[in-house]
N, C-alpha and C. Protein backbone atom coordinates (compact mmCIF):
# COMPACT_ATOMS: atom_id res chain seq x y z
N UNK A 1 0.85 -1.20 0.00
CA UNK A 1 0.00 0.00 0.00
C UNK A 1 0.88 1.25 0.00
N UNK A 2 0.76 2.11 -1.01
CA UNK A 2 1.57 3.33 -1.04
C UNK A 2 1.20 4.27 0.10
N UNK A 3 2.18 5.05 0.53
CA UNK A 3 2.00 6.00 1.62
C UNK A 3 2.31 7.41 1.15
N UNK A 4 1.66 8.38 1.77
CA UNK A 4 1.98 9.79 1.56
C UNK A 4 2.34 10.39 2.91
N UNK A 5 3.43 11.14 2.94
CA UNK A 5 3.89 11.80 4.17
C UNK A 5 3.94 13.30 3.92
N UNK A 6 3.30 14.05 4.79
CA UNK A 6 3.27 15.51 4.66
C UNK A 6 4.42 16.11 5.45
N UNK A 7 5.24 16.92 4.79
CA UNK A 7 6.40 17.52 5.44
C UNK A 7 6.22 19.01 5.73
N UNK A 8 5.03 19.54 5.47
CA UNK A 8 4.75 20.94 5.73
C UNK A 8 4.66 21.77 4.47
N UNK A 9 3.90 22.88 4.56
CA UNK A 9 3.63 23.78 3.45
C UNK A 9 3.01 23.00 2.29
N UNK A 10 3.72 22.82 1.17
CA UNK A 10 3.19 22.01 0.06
C UNK A 10 4.00 20.76 -0.18
N UNK A 11 4.92 20.46 0.70
CA UNK A 11 5.85 19.35 0.48
C UNK A 11 5.25 18.01 0.91
N UNK A 12 5.25 17.08 -0.02
CA UNK A 12 4.68 15.75 0.21
C UNK A 12 5.65 14.70 -0.31
N UNK A 13 5.87 13.66 0.48
CA UNK A 13 6.64 12.50 0.03
C UNK A 13 5.67 11.35 -0.25
N UNK A 14 5.93 10.60 -1.32
CA UNK A 14 5.15 9.41 -1.65
C UNK A 14 6.08 8.21 -1.66
N UNK A 15 5.59 7.09 -1.10
CA UNK A 15 6.40 5.88 -0.96
C UNK A 15 5.61 4.67 -1.44
N UNK A 16 6.29 3.76 -2.12
CA UNK A 16 5.73 2.45 -2.46
C UNK A 16 6.90 1.49 -2.56
N UNK A 17 7.03 0.62 -1.57
CA UNK A 17 8.18 -0.28 -1.55
C UNK A 17 9.47 0.53 -1.49
N UNK A 18 10.36 0.27 -2.44
CA UNK A 18 11.63 1.00 -2.50
C UNK A 18 11.53 2.28 -3.32
N UNK A 19 10.35 2.54 -3.89
CA UNK A 19 10.17 3.73 -4.72
C UNK A 19 9.81 4.93 -3.85
N UNK A 20 10.52 6.04 -4.08
CA UNK A 20 10.29 7.25 -3.30
C UNK A 20 10.31 8.47 -4.21
N UNK A 21 9.38 9.38 -3.96
CA UNK A 21 9.42 10.66 -4.66
C UNK A 21 8.95 11.75 -3.71
N UNK A 22 9.33 12.97 -4.02
CA UNK A 22 8.95 14.11 -3.18
C UNK A 22 8.47 15.24 -4.08
N UNK A 23 7.46 15.97 -3.61
CA UNK A 23 6.88 17.09 -4.35
C UNK A 23 7.17 18.38 -3.59
N UNK A 24 7.67 19.38 -4.30
CA UNK A 24 7.89 20.73 -3.78
C UNK A 24 8.61 20.76 -2.44
N UNK A 25 9.90 20.36 -2.43
CA UNK A 25 10.64 20.19 -1.17
C UNK A 25 11.18 21.49 -0.57
N UNK A 26 10.26 22.32 -0.10
CA UNK A 26 10.63 23.55 0.61
C UNK A 26 10.81 23.18 2.09
N UNK A 27 12.06 22.98 2.48
CA UNK A 27 12.39 22.54 3.84
C UNK A 27 13.27 23.56 4.55
N UNK A 28 14.36 23.97 3.93
CA UNK A 28 15.22 24.98 4.51
C UNK A 28 14.49 26.32 4.55
N UNK A 29 14.43 26.94 5.72
CA UNK A 29 13.72 28.21 5.86
C UNK A 29 12.24 28.06 6.12
N UNK A 30 11.77 26.83 6.23
CA UNK A 30 10.36 26.56 6.49
C UNK A 30 10.21 26.09 7.94
N UNK A 31 9.65 26.92 8.78
CA UNK A 31 9.51 26.58 10.19
C UNK A 31 8.58 25.40 10.42
N UNK A 32 7.70 25.12 9.45
CA UNK A 32 6.80 23.96 9.55
C UNK A 32 7.50 22.65 9.22
N UNK A 33 8.60 22.70 8.53
CA UNK A 33 9.18 21.50 7.92
C UNK A 33 9.45 20.41 8.94
N UNK A 34 9.04 19.19 8.58
CA UNK A 34 9.20 18.04 9.47
C UNK A 34 10.48 17.27 9.16
N UNK A 35 11.32 17.78 8.28
CA UNK A 35 12.59 17.14 7.95
C UNK A 35 13.56 18.18 7.42
N UNK A 36 14.83 17.87 7.53
CA UNK A 36 15.86 18.68 6.88
C UNK A 36 16.13 18.10 5.50
N UNK A 37 16.59 18.95 4.59
CA UNK A 37 16.80 18.45 3.23
C UNK A 37 17.88 17.36 3.20
N UNK A 38 18.78 17.39 4.17
CA UNK A 38 19.83 16.37 4.22
C UNK A 38 19.30 15.01 4.66
N UNK A 39 18.07 14.98 5.16
CA UNK A 39 17.46 13.72 5.61
C UNK A 39 16.61 13.08 4.52
N UNK A 40 16.40 13.77 3.42
CA UNK A 40 15.53 13.27 2.36
C UNK A 40 16.30 12.31 1.46
N UNK A 41 15.73 11.13 1.27
CA UNK A 41 16.29 10.13 0.35
C UNK A 41 15.22 9.82 -0.68
N UNK A 42 15.46 10.18 -1.91
CA UNK A 42 14.41 10.05 -2.92
C UNK A 42 15.02 9.80 -4.29
N UNK A 43 14.22 9.22 -5.18
CA UNK A 43 14.67 9.00 -6.54
C UNK A 43 14.17 10.05 -7.51
N UNK A 44 13.08 10.75 -7.13
CA UNK A 44 12.47 11.74 -8.02
C UNK A 44 11.99 12.93 -7.21
N UNK A 45 12.12 14.10 -7.82
CA UNK A 45 11.66 15.35 -7.20
C UNK A 45 10.74 16.05 -8.19
N UNK A 46 9.48 16.22 -7.83
CA UNK A 46 8.52 16.92 -8.67
C UNK A 46 8.40 18.35 -8.18
N UNK A 47 8.59 19.31 -9.10
CA UNK A 47 8.54 20.72 -8.73
C UNK A 47 7.44 21.40 -9.54
N UNK A 48 6.49 22.00 -8.84
CA UNK A 48 5.32 22.56 -9.52
C UNK A 48 5.60 23.91 -10.19
N UNK A 49 6.52 24.70 -9.62
CA UNK A 49 6.90 25.98 -10.22
C UNK A 49 8.14 26.50 -9.52
N UNK A 50 8.66 27.61 -10.01
CA UNK A 50 9.96 28.06 -9.58
C UNK A 50 10.03 28.89 -8.32
N UNK A 51 8.91 29.24 -7.72
CA UNK A 51 8.95 30.06 -6.51
C UNK A 51 9.72 29.34 -5.40
N UNK A 52 10.42 30.11 -4.59
CA UNK A 52 11.33 29.54 -3.61
C UNK A 52 10.68 28.62 -2.60
N UNK A 53 9.40 28.85 -2.29
CA UNK A 53 8.72 27.99 -1.32
C UNK A 53 8.18 26.71 -1.97
N UNK A 54 8.64 26.43 -3.20
CA UNK A 54 8.24 25.18 -3.87
C UNK A 54 9.45 24.47 -4.46
N UNK A 55 10.29 25.17 -5.21
CA UNK A 55 11.52 24.54 -5.68
C UNK A 55 12.43 24.26 -4.49
N UNK A 56 12.42 25.18 -3.52
CA UNK A 56 13.07 24.93 -2.25
C UNK A 56 14.45 24.30 -2.35
N UNK A 57 14.57 23.09 -1.78
CA UNK A 57 15.85 22.37 -1.72
C UNK A 57 16.00 21.35 -2.85
N UNK A 58 15.21 21.48 -3.91
CA UNK A 58 15.21 20.46 -4.96
C UNK A 58 16.60 20.23 -5.54
N UNK A 59 17.30 21.28 -5.85
CA UNK A 59 18.62 21.13 -6.48
C UNK A 59 19.62 20.51 -5.52
N UNK A 60 19.60 20.95 -4.25
CA UNK A 60 20.51 20.38 -3.25
C UNK A 60 20.24 18.90 -3.04
N UNK A 61 18.97 18.52 -2.97
CA UNK A 61 18.61 17.11 -2.79
C UNK A 61 19.03 16.29 -4.00
N UNK A 62 18.78 16.84 -5.20
CA UNK A 62 19.12 16.12 -6.43
C UNK A 62 20.62 15.90 -6.54
N UNK A 63 21.41 16.91 -6.17
CA UNK A 63 22.86 16.77 -6.23
C UNK A 63 23.36 15.70 -5.27
N UNK A 64 22.76 15.64 -4.09
CA UNK A 64 23.22 14.69 -3.07
C UNK A 64 22.77 13.27 -3.35
N UNK A 65 21.53 13.10 -3.84
CA UNK A 65 20.95 11.76 -3.99
C UNK A 65 21.01 11.23 -5.41
N UNK A 66 21.25 12.11 -6.39
CA UNK A 66 21.18 11.70 -7.79
C UNK A 66 19.76 11.62 -8.30
N UNK A 67 18.81 12.17 -7.56
CA UNK A 67 17.40 12.13 -7.96
C UNK A 67 17.18 12.93 -9.24
N UNK A 68 16.14 12.55 -9.97
CA UNK A 68 15.73 13.23 -11.19
C UNK A 68 14.66 14.26 -10.86
N UNK A 69 14.84 15.48 -11.33
CA UNK A 69 13.83 16.53 -11.15
C UNK A 69 12.85 16.49 -12.31
N UNK A 70 11.57 16.42 -11.99
CA UNK A 70 10.48 16.39 -12.97
C UNK A 70 9.70 17.69 -12.88
N UNK A 71 9.44 18.30 -14.02
CA UNK A 71 8.66 19.54 -14.06
C UNK A 71 8.56 20.03 -15.48
N UNK A 72 8.25 21.30 -15.64
CA UNK A 72 8.12 21.86 -16.98
C UNK A 72 9.48 21.92 -17.68
N UNK A 73 9.42 21.99 -18.99
CA UNK A 73 10.64 22.08 -19.81
C UNK A 73 11.52 23.23 -19.35
N UNK A 74 10.91 24.40 -19.13
CA UNK A 74 11.68 25.58 -18.77
C UNK A 74 12.32 25.42 -17.39
N UNK A 75 11.56 24.97 -16.42
CA UNK A 75 12.07 24.86 -15.05
C UNK A 75 13.14 23.78 -14.93
N UNK A 76 12.91 22.63 -15.54
CA UNK A 76 13.89 21.56 -15.41
C UNK A 76 15.19 21.90 -16.14
N UNK A 77 15.10 22.60 -17.24
CA UNK A 77 16.34 22.98 -17.93
C UNK A 77 17.14 24.01 -17.15
N UNK A 78 16.47 24.86 -16.41
CA UNK A 78 17.18 25.74 -15.49
C UNK A 78 17.91 24.90 -14.43
N UNK A 79 17.23 23.87 -13.92
CA UNK A 79 17.85 22.99 -12.92
C UNK A 79 19.04 22.24 -13.50
N UNK A 80 18.92 21.84 -14.76
CA UNK A 80 20.02 21.10 -15.41
C UNK A 80 21.29 21.93 -15.45
N UNK A 81 21.17 23.24 -15.55
CA UNK A 81 22.34 24.12 -15.56
C UNK A 81 23.05 24.10 -14.21
N UNK A 82 22.35 23.61 -13.19
CA UNK A 82 22.95 23.48 -11.86
C UNK A 82 23.63 22.12 -11.68
N UNK A 83 23.57 21.28 -12.74
CA UNK A 83 24.28 20.01 -12.70
C UNK A 83 23.50 18.84 -12.15
N UNK A 84 22.17 18.84 -12.35
CA UNK A 84 21.36 17.72 -11.85
C UNK A 84 20.64 17.03 -13.01
N UNK A 85 20.17 15.81 -12.75
CA UNK A 85 19.42 15.07 -13.75
C UNK A 85 17.99 15.59 -13.81
N UNK A 86 17.43 15.62 -15.00
CA UNK A 86 16.08 16.15 -15.18
C UNK A 86 15.25 15.26 -16.09
N UNK A 87 13.93 15.41 -15.97
CA UNK A 87 13.01 14.86 -16.97
C UNK A 87 12.01 15.97 -17.29
N UNK A 88 12.22 16.68 -18.41
CA UNK A 88 11.32 17.77 -18.76
C UNK A 88 9.98 17.25 -19.29
N UNK A 89 8.91 17.95 -18.91
CA UNK A 89 7.56 17.62 -19.37
C UNK A 89 6.82 18.92 -19.63
N UNK A 90 5.54 18.80 -19.98
CA UNK A 90 4.72 20.00 -20.06
C UNK A 90 3.24 19.65 -19.88
N UNK A 91 2.44 20.71 -19.74
CA UNK A 91 1.03 20.57 -19.38
C UNK A 91 0.30 19.67 -20.36
N UNK A 92 -0.43 18.71 -19.81
CA UNK A 92 -1.19 17.76 -20.62
C UNK A 92 -0.40 16.52 -20.96
N UNK A 93 0.92 16.58 -20.79
CA UNK A 93 1.76 15.43 -21.09
C UNK A 93 1.89 14.50 -19.90
N UNK A 94 2.06 13.22 -20.19
CA UNK A 94 2.24 12.20 -19.15
C UNK A 94 3.42 11.32 -19.54
N UNK A 95 4.00 10.66 -18.54
CA UNK A 95 5.13 9.78 -18.79
C UNK A 95 5.16 8.69 -17.74
N UNK A 96 5.57 7.49 -18.17
CA UNK A 96 5.71 6.35 -17.26
C UNK A 96 7.12 6.33 -16.67
N UNK A 97 7.19 6.23 -15.36
CA UNK A 97 8.44 6.09 -14.64
C UNK A 97 8.44 4.74 -13.93
N UNK A 98 9.56 4.39 -13.29
CA UNK A 98 9.59 3.07 -12.65
C UNK A 98 8.66 2.98 -11.45
N UNK A 99 8.29 4.11 -10.85
CA UNK A 99 7.35 4.09 -9.72
C UNK A 99 5.89 4.14 -10.16
N UNK A 100 5.65 4.57 -11.41
CA UNK A 100 4.28 4.74 -11.88
C UNK A 100 4.22 5.78 -12.99
N UNK A 101 3.27 6.68 -12.93
CA UNK A 101 3.02 7.61 -14.03
C UNK A 101 2.77 9.02 -13.48
N UNK A 102 3.24 10.01 -14.23
CA UNK A 102 3.03 11.41 -13.87
C UNK A 102 2.42 12.14 -15.06
N UNK A 103 1.40 12.94 -14.79
CA UNK A 103 0.81 13.82 -15.80
C UNK A 103 0.78 15.23 -15.23
N UNK A 104 1.16 16.20 -16.05
CA UNK A 104 1.14 17.60 -15.64
C UNK A 104 -0.21 18.22 -15.98
N UNK A 105 -0.78 18.92 -15.02
CA UNK A 105 -2.05 19.61 -15.21
C UNK A 105 -1.84 21.12 -15.15
N UNK A 106 -2.82 21.86 -15.58
CA UNK A 106 -2.74 23.31 -15.46
C UNK A 106 -2.84 23.72 -13.99
N UNK A 107 -2.32 24.90 -13.71
CA UNK A 107 -2.52 25.56 -12.43
C UNK A 107 -2.52 27.06 -12.71
N UNK A 108 -3.31 27.80 -11.99
CA UNK A 108 -3.39 29.25 -12.20
C UNK A 108 -2.60 29.95 -11.10
N UNK A 109 -1.39 30.39 -11.46
CA UNK A 109 -0.49 30.99 -10.50
C UNK A 109 0.61 31.70 -11.30
N UNK A 110 1.81 31.82 -10.75
CA UNK A 110 2.94 32.39 -11.47
C UNK A 110 4.07 31.39 -11.51
N UNK A 111 5.14 31.76 -12.20
CA UNK A 111 6.29 30.87 -12.26
C UNK A 111 7.56 31.65 -12.49
N UNK A 112 8.38 31.79 -11.45
CA UNK A 112 9.62 32.51 -11.59
C UNK A 112 10.61 32.07 -10.54
N UNK A 113 11.90 32.15 -10.87
CA UNK A 113 12.96 31.66 -9.98
C UNK A 113 13.85 32.82 -9.56
N UNK A 114 14.43 32.72 -8.39
CA UNK A 114 15.32 33.75 -7.89
C UNK A 114 14.67 34.56 -6.79
N UNK A 115 15.47 35.43 -6.15
CA UNK A 115 14.97 36.20 -5.01
C UNK A 115 13.76 37.05 -5.38
N UNK A 116 13.72 37.56 -6.62
CA UNK A 116 12.59 38.38 -7.05
C UNK A 116 11.72 37.65 -8.08
N UNK A 117 11.93 36.34 -8.22
CA UNK A 117 11.15 35.50 -9.14
C UNK A 117 11.17 36.04 -10.57
N UNK A 118 12.29 36.66 -10.97
CA UNK A 118 12.35 37.30 -12.28
C UNK A 118 12.82 36.38 -13.39
N UNK A 119 13.34 35.21 -13.03
CA UNK A 119 13.82 34.27 -14.05
C UNK A 119 12.66 33.36 -14.44
N UNK A 120 12.26 33.42 -15.70
CA UNK A 120 11.08 32.69 -16.16
C UNK A 120 11.31 31.18 -16.10
N UNK A 121 10.37 30.47 -15.49
CA UNK A 121 10.49 29.02 -15.35
C UNK A 121 9.29 28.28 -15.94
N UNK A 122 8.61 28.93 -16.89
CA UNK A 122 7.45 28.29 -17.48
C UNK A 122 6.24 28.45 -16.59
N UNK A 123 5.10 27.96 -17.04
CA UNK A 123 3.87 28.09 -16.25
C UNK A 123 3.89 27.16 -15.04
N UNK A 124 3.14 27.49 -14.01
CA UNK A 124 3.00 26.57 -12.88
C UNK A 124 2.16 25.37 -13.29
N UNK A 125 2.31 24.28 -12.56
CA UNK A 125 1.56 23.07 -12.88
C UNK A 125 1.09 22.38 -11.60
N UNK A 126 0.16 21.46 -11.79
CA UNK A 126 -0.18 20.47 -10.78
C UNK A 126 0.25 19.11 -11.30
N UNK A 127 0.10 18.10 -10.45
CA UNK A 127 0.53 16.76 -10.82
C UNK A 127 -0.55 15.71 -10.55
N UNK A 128 -0.79 14.86 -11.53
CA UNK A 128 -1.52 13.61 -11.31
C UNK A 128 -0.47 12.51 -11.26
N UNK A 129 -0.40 11.84 -10.13
CA UNK A 129 0.65 10.85 -9.89
C UNK A 129 0.02 9.49 -9.63
N UNK A 130 0.38 8.53 -10.45
CA UNK A 130 -0.07 7.15 -10.21
C UNK A 130 1.08 6.39 -9.57
N UNK A 131 0.80 5.78 -8.42
CA UNK A 131 1.82 5.02 -7.70
C UNK A 131 1.12 3.90 -6.92
N UNK A 132 1.62 2.70 -7.08
CA UNK A 132 1.05 1.56 -6.37
C UNK A 132 -0.41 1.32 -6.68
N UNK A 133 -0.83 1.63 -7.90
CA UNK A 133 -2.23 1.43 -8.29
C UNK A 133 -3.18 2.49 -7.78
N UNK A 134 -2.67 3.55 -7.18
CA UNK A 134 -3.48 4.65 -6.66
C UNK A 134 -3.16 5.93 -7.43
N UNK A 135 -4.10 6.88 -7.39
CA UNK A 135 -3.91 8.16 -8.07
C UNK A 135 -3.95 9.30 -7.07
N UNK A 136 -2.89 10.09 -7.09
CA UNK A 136 -2.77 11.26 -6.22
C UNK A 136 -2.77 12.51 -7.09
N UNK A 137 -3.55 13.51 -6.67
CA UNK A 137 -3.54 14.81 -7.34
C UNK A 137 -2.94 15.84 -6.40
N UNK A 138 -1.83 16.42 -6.80
CA UNK A 138 -1.22 17.52 -6.06
C UNK A 138 -1.42 18.77 -6.92
N UNK A 139 -2.22 19.70 -6.42
CA UNK A 139 -2.64 20.83 -7.23
C UNK A 139 -1.57 21.89 -7.40
N UNK A 140 -0.47 21.82 -6.61
CA UNK A 140 0.49 22.90 -6.64
C UNK A 140 -0.14 24.17 -6.11
N UNK A 141 0.42 25.31 -6.47
CA UNK A 141 -0.20 26.59 -6.12
C UNK A 141 -1.18 26.95 -7.22
N UNK A 142 -2.43 27.15 -6.85
CA UNK A 142 -3.41 27.48 -7.88
C UNK A 142 -4.64 28.14 -7.28
N UNK A 143 -5.29 28.93 -8.11
CA UNK A 143 -6.64 29.35 -7.83
C UNK A 143 -7.59 28.28 -8.34
N UNK A 144 -8.85 28.45 -8.03
CA UNK A 144 -9.89 27.55 -8.51
C UNK A 144 -10.02 27.68 -10.03
N UNK A 145 -10.17 26.56 -10.73
CA UNK A 145 -10.45 26.62 -12.17
C UNK A 145 -11.42 25.49 -12.53
N UNK A 146 -12.24 25.78 -13.54
CA UNK A 146 -13.35 24.87 -13.84
C UNK A 146 -12.87 23.54 -14.42
N UNK A 147 -11.68 23.50 -15.01
CA UNK A 147 -11.17 22.24 -15.54
C UNK A 147 -10.87 21.22 -14.45
N UNK A 148 -10.90 21.64 -13.19
CA UNK A 148 -10.81 20.65 -12.11
C UNK A 148 -11.94 19.63 -12.21
N UNK A 149 -13.07 20.09 -12.69
CA UNK A 149 -14.19 19.17 -12.89
C UNK A 149 -13.83 18.12 -13.93
N UNK A 150 -13.15 18.53 -14.99
CA UNK A 150 -12.71 17.60 -16.03
C UNK A 150 -11.66 16.64 -15.48
N UNK A 151 -10.74 17.17 -14.68
CA UNK A 151 -9.73 16.31 -14.06
C UNK A 151 -10.41 15.23 -13.21
N UNK A 152 -11.42 15.62 -12.48
CA UNK A 152 -12.15 14.65 -11.65
C UNK A 152 -12.93 13.64 -12.46
N UNK A 153 -13.49 14.08 -13.58
CA UNK A 153 -14.27 13.17 -14.42
C UNK A 153 -13.38 12.15 -15.12
N UNK A 154 -12.15 12.54 -15.45
CA UNK A 154 -11.27 11.67 -16.22
C UNK A 154 -10.35 10.81 -15.36
N UNK A 155 -10.33 11.09 -14.05
CA UNK A 155 -9.42 10.37 -13.16
C UNK A 155 -10.15 10.02 -11.86
N UNK A 156 -9.98 8.80 -11.41
CA UNK A 156 -10.49 8.41 -10.11
C UNK A 156 -9.41 8.73 -9.08
N UNK A 157 -9.59 9.85 -8.41
CA UNK A 157 -8.55 10.37 -7.52
C UNK A 157 -8.73 9.78 -6.12
N UNK A 158 -7.71 9.08 -5.66
CA UNK A 158 -7.76 8.49 -4.33
C UNK A 158 -7.43 9.50 -3.25
N UNK A 159 -6.51 10.42 -3.55
CA UNK A 159 -6.07 11.40 -2.55
C UNK A 159 -5.67 12.68 -3.26
N UNK A 160 -6.21 13.80 -2.78
CA UNK A 160 -5.88 15.11 -3.35
C UNK A 160 -5.24 15.99 -2.30
N UNK A 161 -4.21 16.73 -2.71
CA UNK A 161 -3.58 17.74 -1.87
C UNK A 161 -3.93 19.10 -2.46
N UNK A 162 -4.67 19.92 -1.68
CA UNK A 162 -5.17 21.19 -2.19
C UNK A 162 -4.77 22.34 -1.28
N UNK A 163 -4.29 23.46 -1.86
CA UNK A 163 -3.97 24.64 -1.05
C UNK A 163 -5.24 25.30 -0.54
N UNK A 164 -5.16 25.83 0.69
CA UNK A 164 -6.34 26.50 1.27
C UNK A 164 -5.99 27.88 1.84
N UNK A 165 -4.74 28.32 1.72
CA UNK A 165 -4.27 29.47 2.48
C UNK A 165 -4.69 30.85 2.00
N UNK A 166 -5.33 30.93 0.81
CA UNK A 166 -5.79 32.21 0.27
C UNK A 166 -4.60 33.13 -0.05
N UNK A 167 -4.86 34.33 -0.45
CA UNK A 167 -3.89 35.36 -0.82
C UNK A 167 -3.09 34.99 -2.08
N UNK A 168 -2.32 33.90 -2.04
CA UNK A 168 -1.56 33.45 -3.21
C UNK A 168 -2.25 32.31 -3.95
N UNK A 169 -3.19 31.64 -3.30
CA UNK A 169 -3.84 30.45 -3.86
C UNK A 169 -5.32 30.47 -3.50
N UNK A 170 -5.98 29.37 -3.74
CA UNK A 170 -7.36 29.23 -3.29
C UNK A 170 -7.47 29.46 -1.79
N UNK A 171 -8.58 30.05 -1.38
CA UNK A 171 -8.94 30.10 0.02
C UNK A 171 -9.91 28.97 0.34
N UNK A 172 -10.49 29.01 1.53
CA UNK A 172 -11.32 27.90 1.99
C UNK A 172 -12.48 27.60 1.05
N UNK A 173 -13.27 28.61 0.72
CA UNK A 173 -14.48 28.36 -0.06
C UNK A 173 -14.17 27.87 -1.46
N UNK A 174 -13.14 28.43 -2.08
CA UNK A 174 -12.77 27.96 -3.42
C UNK A 174 -12.21 26.54 -3.37
N UNK A 175 -11.47 26.23 -2.31
CA UNK A 175 -10.95 24.87 -2.17
C UNK A 175 -12.09 23.87 -1.95
N UNK A 176 -13.12 24.29 -1.24
CA UNK A 176 -14.29 23.43 -1.06
C UNK A 176 -14.94 23.14 -2.41
N UNK A 177 -15.07 24.16 -3.23
CA UNK A 177 -15.63 23.97 -4.58
C UNK A 177 -14.72 23.06 -5.41
N UNK A 178 -13.40 23.19 -5.24
CA UNK A 178 -12.47 22.32 -5.95
C UNK A 178 -12.71 20.85 -5.59
N UNK A 179 -12.98 20.58 -4.33
CA UNK A 179 -13.29 19.20 -3.92
C UNK A 179 -14.56 18.71 -4.61
N UNK A 180 -15.55 19.57 -4.71
CA UNK A 180 -16.78 19.20 -5.41
C UNK A 180 -16.49 18.86 -6.87
N UNK A 181 -15.64 19.64 -7.52
CA UNK A 181 -15.28 19.37 -8.91
C UNK A 181 -14.48 18.08 -9.06
N UNK A 182 -13.50 17.88 -8.19
CA UNK A 182 -12.55 16.77 -8.34
C UNK A 182 -13.10 15.43 -7.88
N UNK A 183 -13.99 15.47 -6.88
CA UNK A 183 -14.56 14.24 -6.33
C UNK A 183 -13.50 13.23 -5.88
N UNK A 184 -12.50 13.64 -5.14
CA UNK A 184 -11.52 12.67 -4.64
C UNK A 184 -12.12 11.87 -3.49
N UNK A 185 -11.53 10.73 -3.21
CA UNK A 185 -11.99 9.96 -2.05
C UNK A 185 -11.61 10.66 -0.75
N UNK A 186 -10.38 11.17 -0.71
CA UNK A 186 -9.90 11.90 0.46
C UNK A 186 -9.11 13.12 0.01
N UNK A 187 -9.04 14.11 0.88
CA UNK A 187 -8.33 15.34 0.55
C UNK A 187 -7.56 15.81 1.77
N UNK A 188 -6.34 16.30 1.52
CA UNK A 188 -5.49 16.85 2.57
C UNK A 188 -5.24 18.33 2.26
N UNK A 189 -5.57 19.23 3.17
CA UNK A 189 -5.29 20.66 2.95
C UNK A 189 -3.80 20.96 3.14
N UNK A 190 -3.26 21.82 2.26
CA UNK A 190 -1.85 22.20 2.31
C UNK A 190 -1.73 23.71 2.06
N UNK A 191 -0.51 24.22 2.13
CA UNK A 191 -0.20 25.62 1.81
C UNK A 191 -1.02 26.58 2.67
N UNK A 192 -0.89 26.41 3.99
CA UNK A 192 -1.55 27.31 4.92
C UNK A 192 -0.71 27.41 6.20
N UNK A 193 -0.79 28.58 6.85
CA UNK A 193 -0.16 28.84 8.16
C UNK A 193 1.37 28.84 8.14
N UNK A 194 2.00 28.68 6.98
CA UNK A 194 3.45 28.78 6.92
C UNK A 194 3.90 30.21 7.18
N UNK A 195 3.13 31.16 6.66
CA UNK A 195 3.38 32.58 6.84
C UNK A 195 2.07 33.23 7.33
N UNK A 196 2.15 34.35 8.04
CA UNK A 196 0.91 34.98 8.54
C UNK A 196 -0.11 35.29 7.46
N UNK A 197 0.36 35.66 6.27
CA UNK A 197 -0.56 36.07 5.21
C UNK A 197 -1.40 34.91 4.67
N UNK A 198 -0.99 33.66 4.93
CA UNK A 198 -1.78 32.50 4.46
C UNK A 198 -2.34 31.72 5.65
N UNK A 199 -2.65 32.43 6.71
CA UNK A 199 -3.25 31.79 7.88
C UNK A 199 -4.65 31.30 7.53
N UNK A 200 -4.95 30.06 7.82
CA UNK A 200 -6.26 29.47 7.53
C UNK A 200 -6.52 28.31 8.49
N UNK A 201 -7.79 27.97 8.64
CA UNK A 201 -8.18 26.90 9.54
C UNK A 201 -8.51 25.64 8.75
N UNK A 202 -7.70 24.60 8.86
CA UNK A 202 -8.04 23.34 8.18
C UNK A 202 -9.31 22.72 8.75
N UNK A 203 -9.59 22.98 10.02
CA UNK A 203 -10.82 22.45 10.62
C UNK A 203 -12.05 23.11 9.98
N UNK A 204 -11.96 24.41 9.72
CA UNK A 204 -13.07 25.09 9.05
C UNK A 204 -13.26 24.55 7.64
N UNK A 205 -12.16 24.27 6.96
CA UNK A 205 -12.24 23.66 5.63
C UNK A 205 -12.94 22.30 5.72
N UNK A 206 -12.53 21.48 6.67
CA UNK A 206 -13.11 20.14 6.82
C UNK A 206 -14.61 20.21 7.09
N UNK A 207 -15.03 21.19 7.86
CA UNK A 207 -16.46 21.32 8.18
C UNK A 207 -17.29 21.69 6.96
N UNK A 208 -16.68 22.36 5.99
CA UNK A 208 -17.41 22.81 4.81
C UNK A 208 -17.47 21.75 3.71
N UNK A 209 -16.52 20.80 3.70
CA UNK A 209 -16.44 19.82 2.62
C UNK A 209 -17.51 18.75 2.78
N UNK A 210 -18.23 18.47 1.69
CA UNK A 210 -19.30 17.47 1.70
C UNK A 210 -19.02 16.29 0.77
N UNK A 211 -18.01 16.42 -0.08
CA UNK A 211 -17.86 15.45 -1.16
C UNK A 211 -16.65 14.54 -1.01
N UNK A 212 -15.97 14.61 0.13
CA UNK A 212 -14.81 13.76 0.35
C UNK A 212 -14.48 13.73 1.83
N UNK A 213 -13.68 12.77 2.23
CA UNK A 213 -13.16 12.74 3.59
C UNK A 213 -11.95 13.66 3.66
N UNK A 214 -11.97 14.58 4.60
CA UNK A 214 -10.84 15.48 4.80
C UNK A 214 -9.92 14.90 5.88
N UNK A 215 -8.64 14.80 5.57
CA UNK A 215 -7.65 14.32 6.53
C UNK A 215 -6.69 15.47 6.78
N UNK A 216 -6.65 15.95 8.00
CA UNK A 216 -5.74 17.04 8.37
C UNK A 216 -4.46 16.40 8.91
N UNK A 217 -3.37 16.60 8.18
CA UNK A 217 -2.09 16.01 8.56
C UNK A 217 -1.18 17.07 9.17
N UNK A 218 -0.67 16.78 10.34
CA UNK A 218 0.40 17.60 10.90
C UNK A 218 1.69 17.26 10.16
N UNK A 219 2.57 18.25 9.98
CA UNK A 219 3.85 17.94 9.32
C UNK A 219 4.56 16.79 10.02
N UNK A 220 4.98 15.82 9.20
CA UNK A 220 5.63 14.62 9.71
C UNK A 220 4.73 13.42 9.77
N UNK A 221 3.41 13.63 9.63
CA UNK A 221 2.47 12.52 9.67
C UNK A 221 2.21 11.95 8.28
N UNK A 222 1.79 10.67 8.25
CA UNK A 222 1.61 9.94 7.00
C UNK A 222 0.19 9.41 6.89
N UNK A 223 -0.19 9.03 5.67
CA UNK A 223 -1.49 8.46 5.40
C UNK A 223 -1.35 7.42 4.30
N UNK A 224 -2.09 6.34 4.40
CA UNK A 224 -2.15 5.39 3.29
C UNK A 224 -2.95 6.01 2.16
N UNK A 225 -2.47 5.83 0.95
CA UNK A 225 -3.15 6.42 -0.21
C UNK A 225 -4.34 5.55 -0.60
């Protein structure tokens, strides 16, 4: 049975047997983080966009472990210039890996690298990840969009990770509507309370959701997918 471990903010690890991958490894500088980047052992790193609280420690982890960074063509090629292995993809495209399958979805946000996010890294994305016969949807940073309904219709989502922190992403009510569109079996709220400007109540989110089981994970806790 594959497992998902929440490390804080938007960072999630997925495990199935010896297969390991991590999404948006923002650990250094993240007071929520349940691990240090030096403790991460993974074969693949999925990065949704170039903002520092998502690309985070991806390059450092990739250099140390030899992991492959998966993301958009623009973002992964920037990473390749840092001397790491990459697998470039783009929105709507899918690829089979040894752990399963990844498909990139749209996300409504920005995409830039560096202190002022001025280096273009392509559009932001979300991920549909198949691992151990289960499907995980990690929305990345995004506002609500109607194609979430299409994503839900075309995929039987076992577990969804959705931002709820508002200001930069969906807030509570929009995230609740996203659950209605996606129809996942279970949903974990992410991207909240890391900074004061994205303060939100996961309990309030759970009370509003009618279409899925909400699982509130403290950083460091895991769930079967």
